[in-house]
PDB file of N, CA and C in Angstrom:
ATOM      1  N   MET A   1       0.819  -1.183  -0.097  1.00  0.00           N
ATOM      2  CA  MET A   1       0.038  -0.028   0.030  1.00  0.00           C
ATOM      3  C   MET A   1       0.812   1.234  -0.059  1.00  0.00           C
ATOM      4  N   THR A   2       1.934   1.231   0.826  1.00  0.00           N
ATOM      5  CA  THR A   2       2.797   2.433   0.863  1.00  0.00           C
ATOM      6  C   THR A   2       3.516   2.690  -0.456  1.00  0.00           C
ATOM      7  N   PHE A   3       3.823   1.535  -1.186  1.00  0.00           N
ATOM      8  CA  PHE A   3       4.461   1.770  -2.469  1.00  0.00           C
ATOM      9  C   PHE A   3       3.608   2.520  -3.359  1.00  0.00           C
ATOM     10  N   TRP A   4       2.286   2.218  -3.463  1.00  0.00           N
ATOM     11  CA  TRP A   4       1.358   2.851  -4.330  1.00  0.00           C
ATOM     12  C   TRP A   4       1.095   4.286  -3.965  1.00  0.00           C
ATOM     13  N   LEU A   5       1.025   4.609  -2.586  1.00  0.00           N
ATOM     14  CA  LEU A   5       0.928   5.974  -2.186  1.00  0.00           C
ATOM     15  C   LEU A   5       2.052   6.792  -2.691  1.00  0.00           C
ATOM     16  N   GLY A   6       3.218   6.266  -2.564  1.00  0.00           N
ATOM     17  CA  GLY A   6       4.504   6.912  -2.871  1.00  0.00           C
ATOM     18  C   GLY A   6       4.495   7.173  -4.528  1.00  0.00           C
ATOM     19  N   ARG A   7       4.048   6.218  -5.253  1.00  0.00           N
ATOM     20  CA  ARG A   7       3.948   6.355  -6.699  1.00  0.00           C
ATOM     21  C   ARG A   7       2.913   7.521  -7.058  1.00  0.00           C
ATOM     22  N   LEU A   8       1.723   7.509  -6.294  1.00  0.00           N
ATOM     23  CA  LEU A   8       0.728   8.391  -6.513  1.00  0.00           C
ATOM     24  C   LEU A   8       1.166   9.796  -6.267  1.00  0.00           C
ATOM     25  N   ALA A   9       1.909   9.917  -5.114  1.00  0.00           N
ATOM     26  CA  ALA A   9       2.460  11.320  -4.821  1.00  0.00           C
ATOM     27  C   ALA A   9       3.484  11.846  -5.839  1.00  0.00           C
ATOM     28  N   SER A  10       4.290  10.869  -6.415  1.00  0.00           N
ATOM     29  CA  SER A  10       5.146  11.230  -7.290  1.00  0.00           C
ATOM     30  C   SER A  10       4.567  11.696  -8.585  1.00  0.00           C
ATOM     31  N   TRP A  11       3.566  11.042  -9.067  1.00  0.00           N
ATOM     32  CA  TRP A  11       2.862  11.256 -10.209  1.00  0.00           C
ATOM     33  C   TRP A  11       2.047  12.578 -10.149  1.00  0.00           C
ATOM     34  N   LEU A  12       1.597  12.871  -8.896  1.00  0.00           N
ATOM     35  CA  LEU A  12       0.900  14.211  -8.717  1.00  0.00           C
ATOM     36  C   LEU A  12       1.828  15.281  -8.734  1.00  0.00           C
ATOM     37  N   ALA A  13       3.142  15.157  -8.120  1.00  0.00           N
ATOM     38  CA  ALA A  13       4.001  16.219  -8.235  1.00  0.00           C
ATOM     39  C   ALA A  13       4.459  16.365  -9.612  1.00  0.00           C
ATOM     40  N   ARG A  14       4.711  15.417 -10.422  1.00  0.00           N
ATOM     41  CA  ARG A  14       5.014  15.687 -11.870  1.00  0.00           C
ATOM     42  C   ARG A  14       3.809  16.330 -12.683  1.00  0.00           C
ATOM     43  N   SER A  15       2.666  15.981 -12.308  1.00  0.00           N
ATOM     44  CA  SER A  15       1.494  16.537 -12.921  1.00  0.00           C
ATOM     45  C   SER A  15       1.420  18.093 -12.625  1.00  0.00           C
ATOM     46  N   ALA A  16       1.610  18.419 -11.424  1.00  0.00           N
ATOM     47  CA  ALA A  16       1.575  19.849 -11.044  1.00  0.00           C
ATOM     48  C   ALA A  16       2.577  20.606 -11.697  1.00  0.00           C
ATOM     49  N   LYS A  17       3.788  20.100 -11.810  1.00  0.00           N
ATOM     50  CA  LYS A  17       4.955  20.648 -12.537  1.00  0.00           C
ATOM     51  C   LYS A  17       4.577  20.955 -13.987  1.00  0.00           C
ATOM     52  N   ARG A  18       4.027  19.937 -14.600  1.00  0.00           N
ATOM     53  CA  ARG A  18       3.750  20.036 -16.069  1.00  0.00           C
ATOM     54  C   ARG A  18       2.641  21.195 -16.308  1.00  0.00           C
ATOM     55  N   GLN A  19       1.667  21.255 -15.361  1.00  0.00           N
ATOM     56  CA  GLN A  19       0.671  22.256 -15.460  1.00  0.00           C
ATOM     57  C   GLN A  19       1.279  23.733 -15.218  1.00  0.00           C
ATOM     58  N   ARG A  20       2.238  23.807 -14.426  1.00  0.00           N
ATOM     59  CA  ARG A  20       2.813  25.097 -14.175  1.00  0.00           C
ATOM     60  C   ARG A  20       3.617  25.596 -15.317  1.00  0.00           C
ATOM     61  N   LEU A  21       4.244  24.647 -16.030  1.00  0.00           N
ATOM     62  CA  LEU A  21       5.009  24.923 -17.241  1.00  0.00           C
ATOM     63  C   LEU A  21       4.279  24.956 -18.607  1.00  0.00           C
ATOM     64  N   LEU A  22       2.984  24.904 -18.449  1.00  0.00           N
ATOM     65  CA  LEU A  22       2.263  25.067 -19.734  1.00  0.00           C
ATOM     66  C   LEU A  22       2.505  26.317 -20.416  1.00  0.00           C
ATOM     67  N   PRO A  23       2.432  26.311 -21.818  1.00  0.00           N
ATOM     68  CA  PRO A  23       2.779  27.642 -22.441  1.00  0.00           C
ATOM     69  C   PRO A  23       1.944  28.767 -22.015  1.00  0.00           C
ATOM     70  N   ARG A  24       2.559  29.831 -21.833  1.00  0.00           N
ATOM     71  CA  ARG A  24       1.784  31.121 -21.458  1.00  0.00           C
ATOM     72  C   ARG A  24       2.317  32.159 -22.276  1.00  0.00           C
ATOM     73  N   PRO A  25       1.371  33.246 -22.549  1.00  0.00           N
ATOM     74  CA  PRO A  25       1.815  34.324 -23.438  1.00  0.00           C
ATOM     75  C   PRO A  25       2.880  35.037 -22.756  1.00  0.00           C
ATOM     76  N   SER A  26       3.805  35.571 -23.655  1.00  0.00           N
ATOM     77  CA  SER A  26       4.903  36.395 -23.182  1.00  0.00           C
ATOM     78  C   SER A  26       4.393  37.672 -22.573  1.00  0.00           C
ATOM     79  N   LEU A  27       5.207  38.259 -21.725  1.00  0.00           N
ATOM     80  CA  LEU A  27       4.835  39.607 -21.176  1.00  0.00           C
ATOM     81  C   LEU A  27       4.740  40.690 -22.172  1.00  0.00           C
ATOM     82  N   LYS A  28       5.536  40.516 -23.128  1.00  0.00           N
ATOM     83  CA  LYS A  28       5.554  41.539 -24.419  1.00  0.00           C
ATOM     84  C   LYS A  28       4.150  41.370 -24.864  1.00  0.00           C
ATOM     85  N   THR A  29       3.660  40.228 -25.102  1.00  0.00           N
ATOM     86  CA  THR A  29       2.395  40.080 -25.740  1.00  0.00           C
ATOM     87  C   THR A  29       1.200  40.623 -24.845  1.00  0.00           C
ATOM     88  N   LEU A  30       1.287  40.313 -23.568  1.00  0.00           N
ATOM     89  CA  LEU A  30       0.332  40.807 -22.710  1.00  0.00           C
ATOM     90  C   LEU A  30       0.318  42.361 -22.551  1.00  0.00           C
ATOM     91  N   LEU A  31       1.427  42.993 -22.707  1.00  0.00           N
ATOM     92  CA  LEU A  31       1.534  44.373 -22.549  1.00  0.00           C
ATOM     93  C   LEU A  31       1.438  45.123 -23.921  1.00  0.00           C
ATOM     94  N   ALA A  32       1.257  44.409 -24.978  1.00  0.00           N
ATOM     95  CA  ALA A  32       1.390  44.918 -26.346  1.00  0.00           C
ATOM     96  C   ALA A  32       0.226  46.008 -26.672  1.00  0.00           C
ATOM     97  N   LYS A  33      -0.981  45.804 -26.262  1.00  0.00           N
ATOM     98  CA  LYS A  33      -2.132  46.480 -26.616  1.00  0.00           C
ATOM     99  C   LYS A  33      -2.556  47.414 -25.535  1.00  0.00           C
ATOM    100  N   VAL A  34      -1.586  47.749 -24.659  1.00  0.00           N
ATOM    101  CA  VAL A  34      -1.967  48.613 -23.432  1.00  0.00           C
ATOM    102  C   VAL A  34      -1.920  50.147 -23.898  1.00  0.00           C
ATOM    103  N   ASP A  35      -3.034  50.791 -23.759  1.00  0.00           N
ATOM    104  CA  ASP A  35      -3.146  52.177 -24.143  1.00  0.00           C
ATOM    105  C   ASP A  35      -3.369  53.151 -23.021  1.00  0.00           C
ATOM    106  N   SER A  36      -3.752  52.721 -21.801  1.00  0.00           N
ATOM    107  CA  SER A  36      -3.886  53.580 -20.655  1.00  0.00           C
ATOM    108  C   SER A  36      -3.239  52.964 -19.435  1.00  0.00           C
ATOM    109  N   LYS A  37      -3.254  53.667 -18.452  1.00  0.00           N
ATOM    110  CA  LYS A  37      -2.650  53.235 -17.087  1.00  0.00           C
ATOM    111  C   LYS A  37      -3.501  52.128 -16.509  1.00  0.00           C
ATOM    112  N   ALA A  38      -4.850  52.297 -16.588  1.00  0.00           N
ATOM    113  CA  ALA A  38      -5.704  51.250 -16.086  1.00  0.00           C
ATOM    114  C   ALA A  38      -5.612  49.968 -16.850  1.00  0.00           C
ATOM    115  N   ALA A  39      -5.499  49.991 -18.235  1.00  0.00           N
ATOM    116  CA  ALA A  39      -5.377  48.727 -18.961  1.00  0.00           C
ATOM    117  C   ALA A  39      -4.023  48.147 -18.626  1.00  0.00           C
ATOM    118  N   ARG A  40      -2.882  48.972 -18.462  1.00  0.00           N
ATOM    119  CA  ARG A  40      -1.549  48.473 -18.155  1.00  0.00           C
ATOM    120  C   ARG A  40      -1.704  47.668 -16.743  1.00  0.00           C
ATOM    121  N   ASN A  41      -2.366  48.282 -15.744  1.00  0.00           N
ATOM    122  CA  ASN A  41      -2.411  47.709 -14.459  1.00  0.00           C
ATOM    123  C   ASN A  41      -3.184  46.383 -14.388  1.00  0.00           C
ATOM    124  N   ALA A  42      -4.243  46.343 -15.302  1.00  0.00           N
ATOM    125  CA  ALA A  42      -5.000  45.126 -15.446  1.00  0.00           C
ATOM    126  C   ALA A  42      -4.185  44.053 -16.128  1.00  0.00           C
ATOM    127  N   ALA A  43      -3.407  44.427 -17.183  1.00  0.00           N
ATOM    128  CA  ALA A  43      -2.504  43.402 -17.824  1.00  0.00           C
ATOM    129  C   ALA A  43      -1.466  42.980 -16.866  1.00  0.00           C
ATOM    130  N   LEU A  44      -0.890  43.856 -16.111  1.00  0.00           N
ATOM    131  CA  LEU A  44       0.096  43.336 -15.075  1.00  0.00           C
ATOM    132  C   LEU A  44      -0.422  42.403 -14.043  1.00  0.00           C
ATOM    133  N   ALA A  45      -1.635  42.669 -13.601  1.00  0.00           N
ATOM    134  CA  ALA A  45      -2.292  41.932 -12.466  1.00  0.00           C
ATOM    135  C   ALA A  45      -2.609  40.542 -13.274  1.00  0.00           C
ATOM    136  N   ARG A  46      -3.126  40.520 -14.414  1.00  0.00           N
ATOM    137  CA  ARG A  46      -3.401  39.205 -15.136  1.00  0.00           C
ATOM    138  C   ARG A  46      -2.154  38.387 -15.334  1.00  0.00           C
ATOM    139  N   ALA A  47      -1.061  39.114 -15.689  1.00  0.00           N
ATOM    140  CA  ALA A  47       0.203  38.291 -15.762  1.00  0.00           C
ATOM    141  C   ALA A  47       0.536  37.694 -14.526  1.00  0.00           C
ATOM    142  N   TYR A  48       0.257  38.253 -13.441  1.00  0.00           N
ATOM    143  CA  TYR A  48       0.704  37.753 -12.100  1.00  0.00           C
ATOM    144  C   TYR A  48      -0.231  36.765 -11.584  1.00  0.00           C
ATOM    145  N   LEU A  49      -1.592  37.054 -11.746  1.00  0.00           N
ATOM    146  CA  LEU A  49      -2.626  36.086 -11.138  1.00  0.00           C
ATOM    147  C   LEU A  49      -2.995  35.005 -12.038  1.00  0.00           C
ATOM    148  N   GLU A  50      -2.999  35.196 -13.327  1.00  0.00           N
ATOM    149  CA  GLU A  50      -3.411  34.080 -14.228  1.00  0.00           C
ATOM    150  C   GLU A  50      -2.309  33.259 -14.872  1.00  0.00           C
ATOM    151  N   HIS A  51      -1.197  33.960 -15.050  1.00  0.00           N
ATOM    152  CA  HIS A  51      -0.107  33.321 -15.879  1.00  0.00           C
ATOM    153  C   HIS A  51       1.061  33.034 -14.994  1.00  0.00           C
ATOM    154  N   GLY A  52       1.106  33.423 -13.766  1.00  0.00           N
ATOM    155  CA  GLY A  52       2.061  32.988 -12.834  1.00  0.00           C
ATOM    156  C   GLY A  52       3.426  33.657 -12.996  1.00  0.00           C
ATOM    157  N   TYR A  53       3.482  34.765 -13.570  1.00  0.00           N
ATOM    158  CA  TYR A  53       4.774  35.431 -13.688  1.00  0.00           C
ATOM    159  C   TYR A  53       5.173  36.077 -12.312  1.00  0.00           C
ATOM    160  N   THR A  54       6.332  36.134 -11.959  1.00  0.00           N
ATOM    161  CA  THR A  54       6.749  36.772 -10.669  1.00  0.00           C
ATOM    162  C   THR A  54       6.811  38.241 -10.873  1.00  0.00           C
ATOM    163  N   LEU A  55       6.743  38.879  -9.776  1.00  0.00           N
ATOM    164  CA  LEU A  55       6.827  40.373  -9.729  1.00  0.00           C
ATOM    165  C   LEU A  55       8.038  40.962 -10.286  1.00  0.00           C
ATOM    166  N   THR A  56       9.145  40.225 -10.157  1.00  0.00           N
ATOM    167  CA  THR A  56      10.422  40.657 -10.773  1.00  0.00           C
ATOM    168  C   THR A  56      10.328  40.627 -12.242  1.00  0.00           C
ATOM    169  N   GLU A  57       9.758  39.521 -12.824  1.00  0.00           N
ATOM    170  CA  GLU A  57       9.699  39.494 -14.202  1.00  0.00           C
ATOM    171  C   GLU A  57       8.726  40.577 -14.768  1.00  0.00           C
ATOM    172  N   ILE A  58       7.632  40.817 -14.070  1.00  0.00           N
ATOM    173  CA  ILE A  58       6.706  41.787 -14.600  1.00  0.00           C
ATOM    174  C   ILE A  58       7.266  43.160 -14.556  1.00  0.00           C
ATOM    175  N   SER A  59       7.932  43.484 -13.370  1.00  0.00           N
ATOM    176  CA  SER A  59       8.496  44.874 -13.260  1.00  0.00           C
ATOM    177  C   SER A  59       9.615  45.072 -14.348  1.00  0.00           C
ATOM    178  N   TYR A  60      10.338  44.104 -14.633  1.00  0.00           N
ATOM    179  CA  TYR A  60      11.442  44.216 -15.598  1.00  0.00           C
ATOM    180  C   TYR A  60      10.856  44.515 -16.862  1.00  0.00           C
ATOM    181  N   ALA A  61       9.748  43.721 -17.346  1.00  0.00           N
ATOM    182  CA  ALA A  61       9.058  44.004 -18.578  1.00  0.00           C
ATOM    183  C   ALA A  61       8.368  45.260 -18.646  1.00  0.00           C
ATOM    184  N   ALA A  62       7.904  45.837 -17.513  1.00  0.00           N
ATOM    185  CA  ALA A  62       7.186  46.976 -17.492  1.00  0.00           C
ATOM    186  C   ALA A  62       8.122  48.211 -17.412  1.00  0.00           C
ATOM    187  N   GLY A  63       9.465  47.972 -17.289  1.00  0.00           N
ATOM    188  CA  GLY A  63      10.351  49.018 -17.180  1.00  0.00           C
ATOM    189  C   GLY A  63      10.456  49.731 -15.761  1.00  0.00           C
ATOM    190  N   GLN A  64       9.914  49.060 -14.727  1.00  0.00           N
ATOM    191  CA  GLN A  64       9.937  49.571 -13.427  1.00  0.00           C
ATOM    192  C   GLN A  64      10.897  48.638 -12.542  1.00  0.00           C
ATOM    193  N   SER A  65      11.288  49.264 -11.431  1.00  0.00           N
ATOM    194  CA  SER A  65      12.121  48.532 -10.455  1.00  0.00           C
ATOM    195  C   SER A  65      11.141  47.710  -9.581  1.00  0.00           C
ATOM    196  N   TYR A  66      11.412  46.508  -9.253  1.00  0.00           N
ATOM    197  CA  TYR A  66      10.660  45.699  -8.357  1.00  0.00           C
ATOM    198  C   TYR A  66      10.777  46.403  -7.003  1.00  0.00           C
ATOM    199  N   TYR A  67      11.875  46.940  -6.654  1.00  0.00           N
ATOM    200  CA  TYR A  67      11.931  47.476  -5.228  1.00  0.00           C
ATOM    201  C   TYR A  67      11.302  48.843  -5.126  1.00  0.00           C
ATOM    202  N   THR A  68      10.922  49.444  -6.273  1.00  0.00           N
ATOM    203  CA  THR A  68      10.345  50.762  -6.139  1.00  0.00           C
ATOM    204  C   THR A  68       8.791  50.568  -6.199  1.00  0.00           C
ATOM    205  N   LYS A  69       8.316  49.812  -6.958  1.00  0.00           N
ATOM    206  CA  LYS A  69       6.778  49.656  -7.092  1.00  0.00           C
ATOM    207  C   LYS A  69       6.386  48.195  -7.113  1.00  0.00           C
ATOM    208  N   THR A  70       5.138  47.987  -6.714  1.00  0.00           N
ATOM    209  CA  THR A  70       4.512  46.591  -6.801  1.00  0.00           C
ATOM    210  C   THR A  70       3.358  46.806  -7.777  1.00  0.00           C
ATOM    211  N   VAL A  71       2.721  45.694  -8.142  1.00  0.00           N
ATOM    212  CA  VAL A  71       1.636  45.691  -9.143  1.00  0.00           C
ATOM    213  C   VAL A  71       0.527  46.635  -8.616  1.00  0.00           C
ATOM    214  N   GLU A  72       0.201  46.570  -7.371  1.00  0.00           N
ATOM    215  CA  GLU A  72      -0.890  47.440  -6.787  1.00  0.00           C
ATOM    216  C   GLU A  72      -0.558  48.871  -6.670  1.00  0.00           C
ATOM    217  N   GLU A  73       0.745  49.233  -6.587  1.00  0.00           N
ATOM    218  CA  GLU A  73       1.168  50.569  -6.424  1.00  0.00           C
ATOM    219  C   GLU A  73       1.372  51.287  -7.766  1.00  0.00           C
ATOM    220  N   MET A  74       1.273  50.538  -8.912  1.00  0.00           N
ATOM    221  CA  MET A  74       1.502  51.208 -10.173  1.00  0.00           C
ATOM    222  C   MET A  74       0.438  52.015 -10.738  1.00  0.00           C
ATOM    223  N   SER A  75      -0.403  52.606  -9.856  1.00  0.00           N
ATOM    224  CA  SER A  75      -1.551  53.389 -10.388  1.00  0.00           C
ATOM    225  C   SER A  75      -1.235  54.873 -10.315  1.00  0.00           C
TER     226      SER A  75
END
């Protein structure tokens, strides 16, 4: 029984990793059609919440310093 639980746990861990690594749109694509500050903030929040980008990746793509601003403060 323990053997099968170990195999199941291993399979679940691999499945979770595969789901995290699913193809996601690039930040350049997400920020391409942004024409206002509100639209930019929505795109940045979507990148973080829906696509799993880190705040460091997002701030670099937006031309901001991670230490200066966060997604919520970019208004």
